[in-house]
Structure formats: C-alpha cells, structure tokens
Amino acid sequence: VTVHAVGAELKHGTAPQWLERAGGSPIRAVAGKLLPYTAIFLVLSLCMTTLLFRVLGVPLRGGLATIALATLLFVLAYQAVGLALAVFTANLRLATSLGAFYTGPAFAFTGITFPTMGMPFIARAWGALLPLTHYLRILVEQALRGAPFAVSAPGLATLAGFAAILTAASLPRLGVVAREPRFWGRL
C-alpha cells in the first residue's frame, strides 16, 4: 500500500502538488499520506490480536501493551520499507516488484515454520532483514513464553530502527524525486 500510495504520486506526476500541499515538507507529505494507512493497519492488527487472544482463547502469558507497541512498530517498519522502495526506485512497477520479492518468501525465513538455526547463513540474513521476523519473535516471546518486556526490547528496538532509519534516509530522496520531472510518469 505504501509503495503504491507514494509511487502513484510519482507515476501520475502529482508529486509536486502533493509536496506543495504539505508546505514543501517531505515529513509532512509522508505523514499526511501514510497516517491514515497506519491507523487502518494498526486497528486491523489489534482487532486480529483481540480475536486471537480474547475470542479464540489463545493464552496470552505476556504483556498486551508490549504486543500493541510491537504491532505499531511493525506497521511503521513496513511502511518505511515501502517508502524507501518507492522513492529510491522512483518507478512504481519496479518498487512493487521489489516489494513482492522482498516480502514474498517472508514466512520461509522468519524462523516460525523452520528454525533459523537450521538455515543457511543467507536465509538467516534474509530473515534478519525482514521486520516480520522480529515481530513474530516478539509475539512468541509475549504470547507463549510470558517474557518480561526487557526480553522483547531488542526486537522492539530493531523494528523502531527499521522505521526510523529507512524513513530518515527516504525523506531527502522524496524531496528530490517529487521536484524533478525526470522521475515522474515512470510506470
């Protein structure tokens, strides 16, 4: 969704108007564009979490607040990935393809379906580069193991790092591609 939301502005050549409406601020442009999606994905995820633990009765041994925080950071991390793909490729089709390539095999490399210790190095590295790996680890720590917050803190920090680093790297690039006509109209 993030790749398309940002990439469509470039594809349709509306990025300058989008940036102008945000007062020329890439931060405000991204926040205005993505916060509604952030809210939708967060609410949807928390509804699914509620369904899982409250309605279906899956035991929750850890902290629901930790899971909620992890869910927010998970959404922000993947939005940052999508933003980076959209602005660094400045090509909607390529960004969408790279997003599918990056996330498509995610469940194979997260360590949930097959233990990471049995994976080759490249598979473990790929898994470490996926926010889903860190999010699922936090869910397991909290839901099944009842781990204290400190155990999940490194995973939370990793998700926050994805969100912060990729967004910080992408914002200056957004300012460039939104103002340069050579980046507009690319599929």
N, C-alpha and C. Protein backbone atom coordinates (compact mmCIF):
# COMPACT_ATOMS: atom_id res chain seq x y z
N VAL A 1 0.84 -1.19 0.00
CA VAL A 1 0.00 0.00 0.00
C VAL A 1 0.88 1.25 0.00
N THR A 2 1.92 1.24 0.78
CA THR A 2 2.81 2.41 0.84
C THR A 2 3.52 2.63 -0.48
N VAL A 3 4.01 1.54 -1.07
CA VAL A 3 4.67 1.67 -2.38
C VAL A 3 3.71 2.31 -3.37
N HIS A 4 2.47 1.86 -3.38
CA HIS A 4 1.51 2.39 -4.35
C HIS A 4 1.11 3.83 -4.00
N ALA A 5 0.88 4.10 -2.73
CA ALA A 5 0.45 5.45 -2.32
C ALA A 5 1.49 6.51 -2.70
N VAL A 6 2.74 6.20 -2.47
CA VAL A 6 3.81 7.16 -2.79
C VAL A 6 4.18 7.06 -4.27
N GLY A 7 4.31 5.85 -4.77
CA GLY A 7 4.70 5.64 -6.17
C GLY A 7 3.69 6.21 -7.16
N ALA A 8 2.41 6.16 -6.82
CA ALA A 8 1.39 6.71 -7.72
C ALA A 8 1.53 8.22 -7.87
N GLU A 9 1.97 8.90 -6.83
CA GLU A 9 2.19 10.34 -6.93
C GLU A 9 3.27 10.65 -7.96
N LEU A 10 4.30 9.82 -7.99
CA LEU A 10 5.37 10.00 -8.97
C LEU A 10 4.91 9.57 -10.36
N LYS A 11 4.24 8.43 -10.42
CA LYS A 11 3.78 7.92 -11.70
C LYS A 11 2.85 8.90 -12.41
N HIS A 12 1.93 9.49 -11.66
CA HIS A 12 0.94 10.40 -12.24
C HIS A 12 1.43 11.84 -12.32
N GLY A 13 2.65 12.10 -11.86
CA GLY A 13 3.20 13.44 -11.92
C GLY A 13 2.55 14.42 -10.96
N THR A 14 1.91 13.91 -9.92
CA THR A 14 1.24 14.77 -8.93
C THR A 14 2.10 15.02 -7.69
N ALA A 15 3.30 14.50 -7.69
CA ALA A 15 4.18 14.65 -6.52
C ALA A 15 4.47 16.10 -6.18
N PRO A 16 4.67 17.00 -7.17
CA PRO A 16 4.94 18.39 -6.78
C PRO A 16 3.76 19.03 -6.04
N GLN A 17 2.55 18.74 -6.48
CA GLN A 17 1.37 19.29 -5.80
C GLN A 17 1.22 18.68 -4.40
N TRP A 18 1.51 17.38 -4.30
CA TRP A 18 1.45 16.70 -3.01
C TRP A 18 2.43 17.35 -2.03
N LEU A 19 3.65 17.58 -2.50
CA LEU A 19 4.67 18.21 -1.66
C LEU A 19 4.30 19.66 -1.35
N GLU A 20 3.76 20.35 -2.32
CA GLU A 20 3.36 21.76 -2.13
C GLU A 20 2.27 21.88 -1.07
N ARG A 21 1.29 20.96 -1.11
CA ARG A 21 0.20 20.98 -0.11
C ARG A 21 0.72 20.70 1.28
N ALA A 22 1.87 20.09 1.38
CA ALA A 22 2.49 19.81 2.67
C ALA A 22 3.47 20.92 3.05
N GLY A 23 3.36 22.06 2.38
CA GLY A 23 4.24 23.18 2.69
C GLY A 23 5.68 22.95 2.27
N GLY A 24 5.89 22.04 1.31
CA GLY A 24 7.24 21.74 0.85
C GLY A 24 8.00 20.79 1.76
N SER A 25 7.34 20.28 2.77
CA SER A 25 7.98 19.40 3.75
C SER A 25 7.74 17.93 3.42
N PRO A 26 8.81 17.20 3.08
CA PRO A 26 8.62 15.75 2.86
C PRO A 26 8.09 15.03 4.09
N ILE A 27 8.46 15.48 5.27
CA ILE A 27 7.97 14.85 6.50
C ILE A 27 6.45 14.99 6.59
N ARG A 28 5.96 16.20 6.38
CA ARG A 28 4.52 16.42 6.44
C ARG A 28 3.80 15.71 5.30
N ALA A 29 4.41 15.66 4.13
CA ALA A 29 3.79 14.96 3.00
C ALA A 29 3.63 13.48 3.31
N VAL A 30 4.68 12.87 3.82
CA VAL A 30 4.63 11.44 4.14
C VAL A 30 3.66 11.19 5.29
N ALA A 31 3.72 12.02 6.30
CA ALA A 31 2.80 11.84 7.44
C ALA A 31 1.35 11.96 6.98
N GLY A 32 1.05 12.96 6.20
CA GLY A 32 -0.32 13.14 5.72
C GLY A 32 -0.78 12.00 4.83
N LYS A 33 0.12 11.48 4.04
CA LYS A 33 -0.22 10.39 3.12
C LYS A 33 -0.36 9.06 3.86
N LEU A 34 0.53 8.79 4.81
CA LEU A 34 0.59 7.45 5.39
C LEU A 34 -0.13 7.27 6.73
N LEU A 35 -0.37 8.35 7.47
CA LEU A 35 -1.01 8.17 8.78
C LEU A 35 -2.38 7.51 8.71
N PRO A 36 -3.22 7.82 7.72
CA PRO A 36 -4.50 7.08 7.65
C PRO A 36 -4.27 5.57 7.47
N TYR A 37 -3.31 5.20 6.64
CA TYR A 37 -3.00 3.78 6.46
C TYR A 37 -2.42 3.18 7.74
N THR A 38 -1.60 3.94 8.42
CA THR A 38 -1.05 3.48 9.70
C THR A 38 -2.19 3.14 10.65
N ALA A 39 -3.15 4.05 10.75
CA ALA A 39 -4.29 3.83 11.66
C ALA A 39 -5.10 2.61 11.23
N ILE A 40 -5.35 2.48 9.95
CA ILE A 40 -6.14 1.34 9.45
C ILE A 40 -5.43 0.02 9.76
N PHE A 41 -4.14 -0.05 9.44
CA PHE A 41 -3.41 -1.29 9.66
C PHE A 41 -3.25 -1.60 11.15
N LEU A 42 -3.07 -0.56 11.96
CA LEU A 42 -2.95 -0.77 13.40
C LEU A 42 -4.26 -1.29 13.98
N VAL A 43 -5.36 -0.65 13.61
CA VAL A 43 -6.67 -1.10 14.11
C VAL A 43 -6.96 -2.53 13.65
N LEU A 44 -6.72 -2.81 12.38
CA LEU A 44 -6.93 -4.16 11.86
C LEU A 44 -6.08 -5.18 12.61
N SER A 45 -4.81 -4.87 12.82
CA SER A 45 -3.91 -5.78 13.53
C SER A 45 -4.34 -5.99 14.97
N LEU A 46 -4.75 -4.92 15.63
CA LEU A 46 -5.18 -5.05 17.02
C LEU A 46 -6.50 -5.81 17.12
N CYS A 47 -7.37 -5.67 16.12
CA CYS A 47 -8.60 -6.46 16.09
C CYS A 47 -8.27 -7.94 15.95
N MET A 48 -7.31 -8.26 15.10
CA MET A 48 -6.91 -9.65 14.93
C MET A 48 -6.25 -10.19 16.21
N THR A 49 -5.48 -9.36 16.88
CA THR A 49 -4.86 -9.76 18.14
C THR A 49 -5.94 -10.02 19.19
N THR A 50 -6.92 -9.14 19.23
CA THR A 50 -8.04 -9.32 20.17
C THR A 50 -8.80 -10.61 19.85
N LEU A 51 -9.05 -10.83 18.58
CA LEU A 51 -9.72 -12.06 18.16
C LEU A 51 -8.93 -13.29 18.61
N LEU A 52 -7.64 -13.24 18.39
CA LEU A 52 -6.78 -14.37 18.73
C LEU A 52 -6.78 -14.66 20.23
N PHE A 53 -6.57 -13.63 21.04
CA PHE A 53 -6.38 -13.84 22.47
C PHE A 53 -7.67 -13.79 23.28
N ARG A 54 -8.63 -13.00 22.86
CA ARG A 54 -9.85 -12.85 23.66
C ARG A 54 -10.99 -13.75 23.17
N VAL A 55 -11.19 -13.80 21.87
CA VAL A 55 -12.32 -14.56 21.33
C VAL A 55 -11.97 -16.03 21.16
N LEU A 56 -10.83 -16.30 20.52
CA LEU A 56 -10.44 -17.69 20.29
C LEU A 56 -9.80 -18.34 21.52
N GLY A 57 -9.44 -17.54 22.49
CA GLY A 57 -8.94 -18.06 23.74
C GLY A 57 -7.50 -18.55 23.74
N VAL A 58 -6.71 -18.10 22.76
CA VAL A 58 -5.30 -18.45 22.77
C VAL A 58 -4.68 -17.79 24.01
N PRO A 59 -3.96 -18.57 24.81
CA PRO A 59 -3.40 -17.99 26.05
C PRO A 59 -2.42 -16.85 25.76
N LEU A 60 -2.53 -15.83 26.55
CA LEU A 60 -1.60 -14.69 26.47
C LEU A 60 -0.88 -14.64 27.81
N ARG A 61 0.37 -15.03 27.80
CA ARG A 61 1.13 -15.09 29.04
C ARG A 61 1.95 -13.83 29.30
N GLY A 62 2.12 -13.01 28.28
CA GLY A 62 2.93 -11.80 28.42
C GLY A 62 2.08 -10.54 28.41
N GLY A 63 2.71 -9.45 27.99
CA GLY A 63 2.07 -8.16 28.04
C GLY A 63 1.37 -7.76 26.75
N LEU A 64 0.09 -7.47 26.86
CA LEU A 64 -0.67 -6.99 25.70
C LEU A 64 -0.15 -5.63 25.24
N ALA A 65 0.30 -4.80 26.17
CA ALA A 65 0.85 -3.49 25.80
C ALA A 65 2.12 -3.65 24.96
N THR A 66 2.94 -4.64 25.30
CA THR A 66 4.15 -4.90 24.52
C THR A 66 3.79 -5.35 23.11
N ILE A 67 2.78 -6.20 23.00
CA ILE A 67 2.32 -6.65 21.68
C ILE A 67 1.75 -5.49 20.89
N ALA A 68 0.99 -4.63 21.54
CA ALA A 68 0.42 -3.46 20.85
C ALA A 68 1.53 -2.54 20.34
N LEU A 69 2.54 -2.30 21.17
CA LEU A 69 3.68 -1.47 20.75
C LEU A 69 4.41 -2.13 19.59
N ALA A 70 4.63 -3.43 19.68
CA ALA A 70 5.30 -4.15 18.60
C ALA A 70 4.49 -4.06 17.31
N THR A 71 3.18 -4.12 17.42
CA THR A 71 2.32 -4.04 16.25
C THR A 71 2.44 -2.67 15.59
N LEU A 72 2.42 -1.62 16.38
CA LEU A 72 2.60 -0.28 15.83
C LEU A 72 3.96 -0.15 15.13
N LEU A 73 5.01 -0.60 15.79
CA LEU A 73 6.35 -0.52 15.20
C LEU A 73 6.47 -1.39 13.95
N PHE A 74 5.78 -2.52 13.95
CA PHE A 74 5.77 -3.41 12.77
C PHE A 74 5.14 -2.70 11.57
N VAL A 75 4.01 -2.06 11.80
CA VAL A 75 3.33 -1.32 10.73
C VAL A 75 4.24 -0.20 10.23
N LEU A 76 4.81 0.57 11.13
CA LEU A 76 5.69 1.68 10.75
C LEU A 76 6.94 1.18 10.01
N ALA A 77 7.47 0.03 10.44
CA ALA A 77 8.66 -0.51 9.79
C ALA A 77 8.37 -0.88 8.34
N TYR A 78 7.26 -1.55 8.10
CA TYR A 78 6.94 -1.93 6.72
C TYR A 78 6.53 -0.72 5.89
N GLN A 79 5.93 0.27 6.50
CA GLN A 79 5.65 1.49 5.75
C GLN A 79 6.96 2.18 5.34
N ALA A 80 7.94 2.13 6.22
CA ALA A 80 9.25 2.72 5.90
C ALA A 80 9.92 1.94 4.77
N VAL A 81 9.78 0.63 4.78
CA VAL A 81 10.32 -0.18 3.68
C VAL A 81 9.64 0.22 2.37
N GLY A 82 8.33 0.33 2.38
CA GLY A 82 7.59 0.71 1.18
C GLY A 82 7.96 2.10 0.68
N LEU A 83 8.12 3.03 1.61
CA LEU A 83 8.53 4.38 1.25
C LEU A 83 9.90 4.36 0.59
N ALA A 84 10.83 3.63 1.18
CA ALA A 84 12.18 3.54 0.62
C ALA A 84 12.16 2.94 -0.78
N LEU A 85 11.41 1.87 -0.96
CA LEU A 85 11.32 1.25 -2.28
C LEU A 85 10.74 2.23 -3.31
N ALA A 86 9.71 2.95 -2.92
CA ALA A 86 9.05 3.87 -3.85
C ALA A 86 9.96 5.03 -4.24
N VAL A 87 10.64 5.64 -3.27
CA VAL A 87 11.41 6.84 -3.60
C VAL A 87 12.80 6.53 -4.16
N PHE A 88 13.38 5.41 -3.78
CA PHE A 88 14.72 5.12 -4.31
C PHE A 88 14.67 4.52 -5.71
N THR A 89 13.57 3.86 -6.05
CA THR A 89 13.44 3.38 -7.43
C THR A 89 12.76 4.43 -8.30
N ALA A 90 11.87 5.23 -7.70
CA ALA A 90 11.07 6.22 -8.43
C ALA A 90 10.40 5.56 -9.64
N ASN A 91 9.98 4.34 -9.46
CA ASN A 91 9.37 3.56 -10.53
C ASN A 91 8.36 2.61 -9.86
N LEU A 92 7.08 2.87 -10.06
CA LEU A 92 6.04 2.13 -9.36
C LEU A 92 6.11 0.62 -9.64
N ARG A 93 6.28 0.25 -10.88
CA ARG A 93 6.33 -1.17 -11.23
C ARG A 93 7.53 -1.85 -10.58
N LEU A 94 8.69 -1.24 -10.67
CA LEU A 94 9.89 -1.83 -10.09
C LEU A 94 9.78 -1.89 -8.56
N ALA A 95 9.28 -0.84 -7.95
CA ALA A 95 9.13 -0.82 -6.49
C ALA A 95 8.16 -1.89 -6.02
N THR A 96 7.07 -2.06 -6.75
CA THR A 96 6.09 -3.10 -6.40
C THR A 96 6.71 -4.49 -6.56
N SER A 97 7.46 -4.69 -7.62
CA SER A 97 8.12 -5.98 -7.84
C SER A 97 9.15 -6.26 -6.75
N LEU A 98 9.94 -5.25 -6.42
CA LEU A 98 10.94 -5.44 -5.36
C LEU A 98 10.27 -5.69 -4.02
N GLY A 99 9.16 -5.02 -3.76
CA GLY A 99 8.43 -5.26 -2.53
C GLY A 99 7.93 -6.69 -2.43
N ALA A 100 7.42 -7.21 -3.55
CA ALA A 100 6.95 -8.60 -3.58
C ALA A 100 8.12 -9.56 -3.41
N PHE A 101 9.24 -9.27 -4.06
CA PHE A 101 10.42 -10.13 -3.94
C PHE A 101 10.95 -10.12 -2.50
N TYR A 102 10.94 -8.96 -1.88
CA TYR A 102 11.45 -8.80 -0.51
C TYR A 102 10.56 -9.52 0.51
N THR A 103 9.25 -9.34 0.38
CA THR A 103 8.34 -9.86 1.40
C THR A 103 7.73 -11.21 1.07
N GLY A 104 7.69 -11.58 -0.20
CA GLY A 104 7.03 -12.82 -0.61
C GLY A 104 7.47 -14.06 0.15
N PRO A 105 8.75 -14.31 0.25
CA PRO A 105 9.19 -15.53 0.96
C PRO A 105 9.35 -15.32 2.47
N ALA A 106 8.72 -14.31 3.01
CA ALA A 106 8.95 -13.94 4.41
C ALA A 106 8.74 -15.09 5.39
N PHE A 107 7.62 -15.80 5.28
CA PHE A 107 7.36 -16.84 6.26
C PHE A 107 8.38 -17.97 6.22
N ALA A 108 9.02 -18.15 5.08
CA ALA A 108 10.05 -19.18 4.99
C ALA A 108 11.31 -18.81 5.78
N PHE A 109 11.55 -17.52 5.96
CA PHE A 109 12.80 -17.08 6.58
C PHE A 109 12.65 -16.49 7.98
N THR A 110 11.45 -16.48 8.54
CA THR A 110 11.26 -15.86 9.85
C THR A 110 11.63 -16.76 11.01
N GLY A 111 11.75 -18.05 10.75
CA GLY A 111 12.08 -18.97 11.83
C GLY A 111 10.86 -19.55 12.50
N ILE A 112 9.68 -19.25 12.00
CA ILE A 112 8.45 -19.80 12.59
C ILE A 112 8.14 -21.16 11.98
N THR A 113 8.23 -21.27 10.66
CA THR A 113 7.91 -22.54 10.00
C THR A 113 9.10 -23.50 9.99
N PHE A 114 10.30 -22.98 10.08
CA PHE A 114 11.51 -23.79 10.12
C PHE A 114 12.51 -23.04 11.00
N PRO A 115 13.14 -23.70 11.95
CA PRO A 115 14.04 -22.99 12.88
C PRO A 115 15.22 -22.32 12.16
N THR A 116 15.51 -21.10 12.55
CA THR A 116 16.59 -20.36 11.91
C THR A 116 17.95 -21.03 12.12
N MET A 117 18.12 -21.72 13.22
CA MET A 117 19.42 -22.35 13.47
C MET A 117 19.75 -23.42 12.43
N GLY A 118 18.75 -23.95 11.76
CA GLY A 118 18.99 -24.95 10.73
C GLY A 118 19.09 -24.37 9.33
N MET A 119 18.96 -23.06 9.22
CA MET A 119 19.00 -22.41 7.91
C MET A 119 20.43 -22.04 7.52
N PRO A 120 20.69 -22.01 6.21
CA PRO A 120 21.99 -21.48 5.78
C PRO A 120 22.10 -19.99 6.13
N PHE A 121 23.32 -19.50 6.14
CA PHE A 121 23.56 -18.12 6.54
C PHE A 121 22.72 -17.12 5.74
N ILE A 122 22.64 -17.29 4.43
CA ILE A 122 21.91 -16.33 3.60
C ILE A 122 20.43 -16.28 3.98
N ALA A 123 19.84 -17.40 4.33
CA ALA A 123 18.44 -17.43 4.75
C ALA A 123 18.27 -16.73 6.10
N ARG A 124 19.21 -16.96 7.01
CA ARG A 124 19.15 -16.26 8.31
C ARG A 124 19.33 -14.77 8.13
N ALA A 125 20.22 -14.37 7.23
CA ALA A 125 20.44 -12.94 6.98
C ALA A 125 19.19 -12.31 6.36
N TRP A 126 18.58 -13.02 5.41
CA TRP A 126 17.35 -12.51 4.78
C TRP A 126 16.28 -12.33 5.85
N GLY A 127 16.14 -13.31 6.72
CA GLY A 127 15.16 -13.23 7.79
C GLY A 127 15.41 -12.04 8.71
N ALA A 128 16.67 -11.78 9.01
CA ALA A 128 17.01 -10.65 9.88
C ALA A 128 16.66 -9.31 9.24
N LEU A 129 16.60 -9.29 7.91
CA LEU A 129 16.27 -8.06 7.19
C LEU A 129 14.77 -7.85 7.01
N LEU A 130 13.98 -8.75 7.57
CA LEU A 130 12.52 -8.64 7.48
C LEU A 130 11.93 -8.21 8.82
N PRO A 131 11.20 -7.11 8.86
CA PRO A 131 10.54 -6.74 10.11
C PRO A 131 9.63 -7.85 10.66
N LEU A 132 9.04 -8.65 9.78
CA LEU A 132 8.16 -9.73 10.22
C LEU A 132 8.87 -10.69 11.17
N THR A 133 10.13 -10.99 10.91
CA THR A 133 10.89 -11.89 11.77
C THR A 133 10.91 -11.38 13.21
N HIS A 134 11.19 -10.11 13.37
CA HIS A 134 11.32 -9.53 14.70
C HIS A 134 9.95 -9.42 15.38
N TYR A 135 8.93 -9.10 14.59
CA TYR A 135 7.58 -9.00 15.13
C TYR A 135 7.09 -10.37 15.62
N LEU A 136 7.26 -11.40 14.80
CA LEU A 136 6.82 -12.73 15.21
C LEU A 136 7.58 -13.24 16.42
N ARG A 137 8.86 -12.89 16.51
CA ARG A 137 9.64 -13.29 17.68
C ARG A 137 9.05 -12.65 18.95
N ILE A 138 8.67 -11.38 18.83
CA ILE A 138 8.07 -10.70 19.98
C ILE A 138 6.73 -11.35 20.34
N LEU A 139 5.93 -11.69 19.34
CA LEU A 139 4.65 -12.35 19.61
C LEU A 139 4.87 -13.67 20.35
N VAL A 140 5.82 -14.45 19.90
CA VAL A 140 6.11 -15.73 20.56
C VAL A 140 6.61 -15.48 21.99
N GLU A 141 7.52 -14.54 22.14
CA GLU A 141 8.05 -14.23 23.48
C GLU A 141 6.93 -13.82 24.43
N GLN A 142 6.04 -12.98 23.94
CA GLN A 142 4.99 -12.45 24.81
C GLN A 142 3.84 -13.43 24.99
N ALA A 143 3.33 -13.97 23.90
CA ALA A 143 2.13 -14.81 23.99
C ALA A 143 2.43 -16.18 24.59
N LEU A 144 3.45 -16.82 24.11
CA LEU A 144 3.71 -18.20 24.54
C LEU A 144 4.62 -18.30 25.75
N ARG A 145 5.62 -17.45 25.81
CA ARG A 145 6.62 -17.58 26.87
C ARG A 145 6.38 -16.66 28.06
N GLY A 146 5.56 -15.63 27.89
CA GLY A 146 5.34 -14.70 29.00
C GLY A 146 6.59 -13.96 29.40
N ALA A 147 7.41 -13.65 28.42
CA ALA A 147 8.70 -12.99 28.68
C ALA A 147 8.50 -11.57 29.21
N PRO A 148 9.39 -11.12 30.07
CA PRO A 148 9.33 -9.73 30.51
C PRO A 148 9.65 -8.78 29.35
N PHE A 149 9.26 -7.55 29.51
CA PHE A 149 9.46 -6.53 28.47
C PHE A 149 10.91 -6.48 28.01
N ALA A 150 11.84 -6.61 28.94
CA ALA A 150 13.27 -6.50 28.61
C ALA A 150 13.71 -7.54 27.58
N VAL A 151 13.09 -8.69 27.56
CA VAL A 151 13.44 -9.73 26.59
C VAL A 151 13.02 -9.30 25.19
N SER A 152 11.89 -8.63 25.09
CA SER A 152 11.39 -8.18 23.79
C SER A 152 11.95 -6.83 23.37
N ALA A 153 12.64 -6.14 24.25
CA ALA A 153 13.16 -4.81 23.94
C ALA A 153 14.09 -4.79 22.72
N PRO A 154 15.00 -5.75 22.55
CA PRO A 154 15.84 -5.72 21.34
C PRO A 154 15.03 -5.82 20.05
N GLY A 155 14.01 -6.66 20.04
CA GLY A 155 13.15 -6.77 18.86
C GLY A 155 12.38 -5.48 18.60
N LEU A 156 11.90 -4.87 19.67
CA LEU A 156 11.21 -3.59 19.54
C LEU A 156 12.16 -2.52 18.99
N ALA A 157 13.38 -2.52 19.49
CA ALA A 157 14.38 -1.56 19.02
C ALA A 157 14.71 -1.79 17.54
N THR A 158 14.75 -3.05 17.14
CA THR A 158 15.02 -3.35 15.73
C THR A 158 13.90 -2.84 14.85
N LEU A 159 12.65 -3.07 15.25
CA LEU A 159 11.51 -2.57 14.47
C LEU A 159 11.53 -1.04 14.42
N ALA A 160 11.83 -0.40 15.55
CA ALA A 160 11.92 1.06 15.57
C ALA A 160 13.06 1.53 14.68
N GLY A 161 14.16 0.78 14.66
CA GLY A 161 15.28 1.12 13.79
C GLY A 161 14.92 1.05 12.33
N PHE A 162 14.20 -0.01 11.92
CA PHE A 162 13.72 -0.08 10.54
C PHE A 162 12.94 1.18 10.18
N ALA A 163 11.98 1.52 11.05
CA ALA A 163 11.11 2.67 10.78
C ALA A 163 11.90 3.97 10.73
N ALA A 164 12.75 4.19 11.70
CA ALA A 164 13.47 5.46 11.80
C ALA A 164 14.53 5.61 10.71
N ILE A 165 15.35 4.59 10.53
CA ILE A 165 16.48 4.70 9.59
C ILE A 165 15.99 4.79 8.15
N LEU A 166 15.06 3.91 7.78
CA LEU A 166 14.58 3.94 6.39
C LEU A 166 13.80 5.22 6.08
N THR A 167 13.02 5.68 7.04
CA THR A 167 12.28 6.93 6.82
C THR A 167 13.24 8.10 6.71
N ALA A 168 14.20 8.18 7.61
CA ALA A 168 15.18 9.27 7.58
C ALA A 168 15.98 9.27 6.28
N ALA A 169 16.30 8.09 5.77
CA ALA A 169 17.04 8.00 4.51
C ALA A 169 16.16 8.36 3.32
N SER A 170 14.87 8.07 3.42
CA SER A 170 13.96 8.26 2.29
C SER A 170 13.45 9.69 2.13
N LEU A 171 13.33 10.42 3.21
CA LEU A 171 12.75 11.76 3.12
C LEU A 171 13.53 12.72 2.22
N PRO A 172 14.86 12.80 2.33
CA PRO A 172 15.58 13.68 1.40
C PRO A 172 15.41 13.25 -0.06
N ARG A 173 15.40 11.95 -0.29
CA ARG A 173 15.22 11.45 -1.65
C ARG A 173 13.82 11.80 -2.17
N LEU A 174 12.82 11.74 -1.30
CA LEU A 174 11.48 12.13 -1.70
C LEU A 174 11.46 13.58 -2.15
N GLY A 175 12.15 14.44 -1.42
CA GLY A 175 12.23 15.84 -1.81
C GLY A 175 12.79 16.02 -3.20
N VAL A 176 13.76 15.20 -3.56
CA VAL A 176 14.38 15.27 -4.89
C VAL A 176 13.44 14.74 -5.96
N VAL A 177 12.94 13.52 -5.78
CA VAL A 177 12.12 12.91 -6.84
C VAL A 177 10.78 13.60 -7.02
N ALA A 178 10.27 14.23 -5.96
CA ALA A 178 8.99 14.93 -6.09
C ALA A 178 9.13 16.24 -6.87
N ARG A 179 10.34 16.79 -6.90
CA ARG A 179 10.54 18.08 -7.56
C ARG A 179 11.13 17.95 -8.97
N GLU A 180 11.64 16.80 -9.32
CA GLU A 180 12.33 16.60 -10.60
C GLU A 180 11.43 15.89 -11.61
N PRO A 181 11.04 16.57 -12.69
CA PRO A 181 10.15 15.95 -13.68
C PRO A 181 10.69 14.66 -14.30
N ARG A 182 11.99 14.47 -14.31
CA ARG A 182 12.53 13.24 -14.90
C ARG A 182 12.13 11.99 -14.15
N PHE A 183 11.68 12.14 -12.90
CA PHE A 183 11.23 11.00 -12.10
C PHE A 183 9.73 10.75 -12.20
N TRP A 184 9.01 11.58 -12.91
CA TRP A 184 7.56 11.45 -12.98
C TRP A 184 7.17 10.63 -14.19
N GLY A 185 6.03 10.00 -14.08
CA GLY A 185 5.46 9.27 -15.20
C GLY A 185 6.08 7.92 -15.45
N ARG A 186 6.99 7.50 -14.62
CA ARG A 186 7.58 6.16 -14.78
C ARG A 186 6.60 5.13 -14.23
N LEU A 187 6.42 4.08 -14.94
CA LEU A 187 5.48 3.05 -14.50
C LEU A 187 5.96 2.46 -13.21
